[in-house]
């Protein structure tokens, strides 16, 4: 076995400490604000539908009151309005 000098041991310890500090700071500041707001349309089709026929509901409660995606309302054919 070879012995490490105290300078190389300090360098290794400083490297681990710096890497750990960088990892902690990146994970702590990475999820502060969502990239897109919840009210923004997800696709250009959603924006078109909301301008033309009104926005479709995103959620509807099931029989137990738990919010579920409103797939039937969103996938139903649009009413023919002129």
N, C-alpha and C. Protein backbone atom coordinates (compact mmCIF):
# COMPACT_ATOMS: atom_id res chain seq x y z
N UNK A 1 0.84 -1.18 0.00
CA UNK A 1 0.00 0.00 0.00
C UNK A 1 0.88 1.25 0.00
N UNK A 2 0.41 2.24 -0.68
CA UNK A 2 1.13 3.49 -0.70
C UNK A 2 0.43 4.49 0.19
N UNK A 3 1.21 5.34 0.79
CA UNK A 3 0.65 6.37 1.66
C UNK A 3 0.43 7.64 0.86
N UNK A 4 -0.68 8.29 1.12
CA UNK A 4 -0.96 9.56 0.46
C UNK A 4 -0.36 10.69 1.28
N UNK A 5 0.11 11.68 0.58
CA UNK A 5 0.59 12.85 1.31
C UNK A 5 -0.61 13.65 1.78
N UNK A 6 -0.38 14.49 2.75
CA UNK A 6 -1.49 15.26 3.30
C UNK A 6 -2.02 16.28 2.28
N UNK A 7 -1.17 16.75 1.36
CA UNK A 7 -1.62 17.70 0.35
C UNK A 7 -2.57 17.03 -0.64
N UNK A 8 -2.28 15.81 -1.06
CA UNK A 8 -3.17 15.13 -1.99
C UNK A 8 -4.46 14.70 -1.29
N UNK A 9 -4.38 14.35 -0.01
CA UNK A 9 -5.58 14.01 0.74
C UNK A 9 -6.49 15.23 0.87
N UNK A 10 -5.89 16.38 1.13
CA UNK A 10 -6.68 17.62 1.21
C UNK A 10 -7.31 17.95 -0.13
N UNK A 11 -6.57 17.74 -1.21
CA UNK A 11 -7.09 18.03 -2.54
C UNK A 11 -8.29 17.13 -2.86
N UNK A 12 -8.18 15.86 -2.51
CA UNK A 12 -9.28 14.93 -2.75
C UNK A 12 -10.49 15.31 -1.89
N UNK A 13 -10.26 15.65 -0.64
CA UNK A 13 -11.34 16.05 0.26
C UNK A 13 -12.01 17.33 -0.24
N UNK A 14 -11.21 18.28 -0.71
CA UNK A 14 -11.76 19.53 -1.24
C UNK A 14 -12.58 19.27 -2.51
N UNK A 15 -12.13 18.35 -3.34
CA UNK A 15 -12.87 18.00 -4.55
C UNK A 15 -14.21 17.39 -4.21
N UNK A 16 -14.24 16.44 -3.27
CA UNK A 16 -15.50 15.84 -2.85
C UNK A 16 -16.43 16.86 -2.21
N UNK A 17 -15.89 17.74 -1.40
CA UNK A 17 -16.70 18.76 -0.75
C UNK A 17 -17.29 19.72 -1.77
N UNK A 18 -16.50 20.14 -2.75
CA UNK A 18 -16.99 21.06 -3.78
C UNK A 18 -18.05 20.39 -4.65
N UNK A 19 -17.83 19.14 -5.03
CA UNK A 19 -18.80 18.41 -5.83
C UNK A 19 -20.11 18.22 -5.07
N UNK A 20 -20.02 17.88 -3.81
CA UNK A 20 -21.22 17.71 -2.99
C UNK A 20 -21.98 19.01 -2.82
N UNK A 21 -21.27 20.10 -2.60
CA UNK A 21 -21.91 21.41 -2.46
C UNK A 21 -22.60 21.82 -3.75
N UNK A 22 -21.97 21.56 -4.89
CA UNK A 22 -22.57 21.90 -6.18
C UNK A 22 -23.82 21.06 -6.41
N UNK A 23 -23.79 19.78 -6.08
CA UNK A 23 -24.95 18.91 -6.27
C UNK A 23 -26.12 19.35 -5.39
N UNK A 24 -25.83 19.69 -4.14
CA UNK A 24 -26.89 20.13 -3.23
C UNK A 24 -27.48 21.46 -3.70
N UNK A 25 -26.66 22.39 -4.13
CA UNK A 25 -27.19 23.69 -4.56
C UNK A 25 -28.00 23.57 -5.85
N UNK A 26 -27.61 22.68 -6.76
CA UNK A 26 -28.38 22.51 -7.99
C UNK A 26 -29.73 21.84 -7.73
N UNK A 27 -29.77 20.87 -6.84
CA UNK A 27 -31.05 20.22 -6.55
C UNK A 27 -31.96 21.12 -5.73
N UNK A 28 -31.41 21.96 -4.91
CA UNK A 28 -32.24 22.84 -4.08
C UNK A 28 -32.85 23.97 -4.90
N UNK A 29 -32.19 24.43 -5.93
CA UNK A 29 -32.71 25.55 -6.70
C UNK A 29 -33.33 25.11 -8.02
N UNK A 30 -33.33 23.84 -8.35
CA UNK A 30 -33.81 23.37 -9.64
C UNK A 30 -35.31 23.37 -9.79
N UNK A 31 -36.07 23.25 -8.74
CA UNK A 31 -37.53 23.11 -8.83
C UNK A 31 -38.26 24.24 -8.13
N UNK A 32 -37.82 25.45 -8.32
CA UNK A 32 -38.45 26.55 -7.61
C UNK A 32 -39.71 27.03 -8.29
N UNK A 33 -39.74 27.10 -9.61
CA UNK A 33 -40.89 27.62 -10.33
C UNK A 33 -41.13 26.76 -11.57
N UNK A 34 -42.40 26.45 -11.89
CA UNK A 34 -42.64 25.65 -13.09
C UNK A 34 -42.28 26.43 -14.36
N UNK A 35 -41.87 25.70 -15.38
CA UNK A 35 -41.45 26.32 -16.62
C UNK A 35 -42.61 26.98 -17.35
N UNK A 36 -43.75 26.30 -17.41
CA UNK A 36 -44.93 26.84 -18.07
C UNK A 36 -46.04 27.02 -17.04
N UNK A 37 -46.77 28.14 -17.09
CA UNK A 37 -47.87 28.32 -16.14
C UNK A 37 -49.02 27.36 -16.43
N UNK A 38 -49.80 27.03 -15.42
CA UNK A 38 -50.90 26.09 -15.56
C UNK A 38 -51.99 26.64 -16.47
N UNK A 39 -52.15 27.95 -16.52
CA UNK A 39 -53.21 28.54 -17.33
C UNK A 39 -52.86 28.64 -18.81
N UNK A 40 -51.62 28.42 -19.18
CA UNK A 40 -51.21 28.51 -20.59
C UNK A 40 -51.72 27.30 -21.36
N UNK A 41 -52.15 27.51 -22.61
CA UNK A 41 -52.60 26.36 -23.41
C UNK A 41 -51.43 25.43 -23.72
N UNK A 42 -51.70 24.13 -23.70
CA UNK A 42 -50.64 23.15 -23.93
C UNK A 42 -50.31 22.98 -25.40
N UNK A 43 -51.31 23.15 -26.28
CA UNK A 43 -51.08 23.00 -27.71
C UNK A 43 -51.76 24.14 -28.45
N UNK A 44 -51.44 24.29 -29.71
CA UNK A 44 -52.09 25.32 -30.52
C UNK A 44 -53.55 24.96 -30.74
N UNK A 45 -53.90 23.67 -30.72
CA UNK A 45 -55.29 23.26 -30.90
C UNK A 45 -56.14 23.65 -29.71
N UNK A 46 -55.59 23.55 -28.52
CA UNK A 46 -56.32 23.96 -27.32
C UNK A 46 -56.60 25.46 -27.35
N UNK A 47 -55.64 26.23 -27.81
CA UNK A 47 -55.84 27.67 -27.92
C UNK A 47 -56.91 27.99 -28.96
N UNK A 48 -56.89 27.29 -30.09
CA UNK A 48 -57.88 27.50 -31.14
C UNK A 48 -59.28 27.15 -30.64
N UNK A 49 -59.41 26.00 -29.96
CA UNK A 49 -60.71 25.59 -29.44
C UNK A 49 -61.25 26.57 -28.41
N UNK A 50 -60.39 27.06 -27.54
CA UNK A 50 -60.86 28.00 -26.51
C UNK A 50 -61.29 29.32 -27.12
N UNK A 51 -60.66 29.74 -28.22
CA UNK A 51 -61.06 30.98 -28.87
C UNK A 51 -62.35 30.80 -29.68
N UNK A 52 -62.55 29.61 -30.24
CA UNK A 52 -63.69 29.39 -31.12
C UNK A 52 -64.94 28.95 -30.36
N UNK A 53 -64.83 27.95 -29.53
CA UNK A 53 -66.02 27.38 -28.88
C UNK A 53 -65.97 27.45 -27.37
N UNK A 54 -64.99 28.03 -26.81
CA UNK A 54 -64.87 28.07 -25.35
C UNK A 54 -64.01 26.93 -24.86
N UNK A 55 -63.43 27.11 -23.72
CA UNK A 55 -62.50 26.12 -23.18
C UNK A 55 -63.25 24.89 -22.70
N UNK A 56 -62.69 23.73 -22.97
CA UNK A 56 -63.25 22.47 -22.46
C UNK A 56 -62.80 22.29 -21.02
N UNK A 57 -63.63 21.68 -20.18
CA UNK A 57 -63.22 21.46 -18.79
C UNK A 57 -62.04 20.50 -18.71
N UNK A 58 -61.10 20.79 -17.85
CA UNK A 58 -59.92 19.93 -17.71
C UNK A 58 -60.18 18.75 -16.79
N UNK A 59 -60.94 18.97 -15.72
CA UNK A 59 -61.20 17.93 -14.73
C UNK A 59 -62.69 17.87 -14.44
N UNK A 60 -63.14 16.68 -14.06
CA UNK A 60 -64.50 16.51 -13.56
C UNK A 60 -64.44 15.47 -12.44
N UNK A 61 -65.25 15.64 -11.42
CA UNK A 61 -65.19 14.69 -10.31
C UNK A 61 -65.82 13.35 -10.70
N UNK A 62 -65.25 12.26 -10.19
CA UNK A 62 -65.85 10.94 -10.41
C UNK A 62 -66.90 10.69 -9.33
N UNK A 63 -67.40 9.48 -9.23
CA UNK A 63 -68.47 9.18 -8.27
C UNK A 63 -68.03 9.37 -6.82
N UNK A 64 -66.73 9.32 -6.56
CA UNK A 64 -66.22 9.51 -5.21
C UNK A 64 -65.78 10.94 -4.94
N UNK A 65 -65.86 11.82 -5.94
CA UNK A 65 -65.47 13.20 -5.77
C UNK A 65 -64.01 13.48 -6.10
N UNK A 66 -63.28 12.47 -6.55
CA UNK A 66 -61.88 12.66 -6.91
C UNK A 66 -61.78 13.26 -8.31
N UNK A 67 -61.03 14.33 -8.51
CA UNK A 67 -60.94 14.91 -9.85
C UNK A 67 -60.24 13.97 -10.83
N UNK A 68 -60.88 13.75 -11.97
CA UNK A 68 -60.35 12.92 -13.04
C UNK A 68 -60.32 13.75 -14.32
N UNK A 69 -59.46 13.44 -15.27
CA UNK A 69 -59.45 14.17 -16.54
C UNK A 69 -60.81 14.03 -17.23
N UNK A 70 -61.32 15.14 -17.76
CA UNK A 70 -62.62 15.15 -18.42
C UNK A 70 -62.46 14.74 -19.88
N UNK A 71 -62.20 13.45 -20.10
CA UNK A 71 -61.92 12.97 -21.45
C UNK A 71 -63.15 13.00 -22.35
N UNK A 72 -64.31 12.63 -21.81
CA UNK A 72 -65.51 12.64 -22.65
C UNK A 72 -65.85 14.06 -23.11
N UNK A 73 -65.74 15.02 -22.24
CA UNK A 73 -66.05 16.41 -22.61
C UNK A 73 -65.01 16.96 -23.58
N UNK A 74 -63.78 16.56 -23.43
CA UNK A 74 -62.72 17.09 -24.30
C UNK A 74 -62.71 16.44 -25.67
N UNK A 75 -63.10 15.16 -25.75
CA UNK A 75 -63.05 14.43 -27.00
C UNK A 75 -64.37 14.41 -27.75
N UNK A 76 -65.42 14.96 -27.15
CA UNK A 76 -66.73 14.99 -27.80
C UNK A 76 -66.67 15.93 -29.01
N UNK A 77 -67.47 15.66 -30.05
CA UNK A 77 -67.49 16.57 -31.20
C UNK A 77 -68.00 17.95 -30.78
N UNK A 78 -67.43 18.96 -31.41
CA UNK A 78 -67.83 20.34 -31.10
C UNK A 78 -69.22 20.61 -31.68
N UNK A 79 -69.97 21.43 -30.98
CA UNK A 79 -71.30 21.79 -31.50
C UNK A 79 -71.13 22.70 -32.71
N UNK A 80 -72.06 22.60 -33.64
CA UNK A 80 -71.98 23.40 -34.88
C UNK A 80 -72.57 24.77 -34.63
N UNK A 81 -71.72 25.72 -34.34
CA UNK A 81 -72.15 27.10 -34.15
C UNK A 81 -71.62 27.94 -35.28
N UNK A 82 -72.43 28.81 -35.80
CA UNK A 82 -72.00 29.66 -36.91
C UNK A 82 -71.81 31.08 -36.47
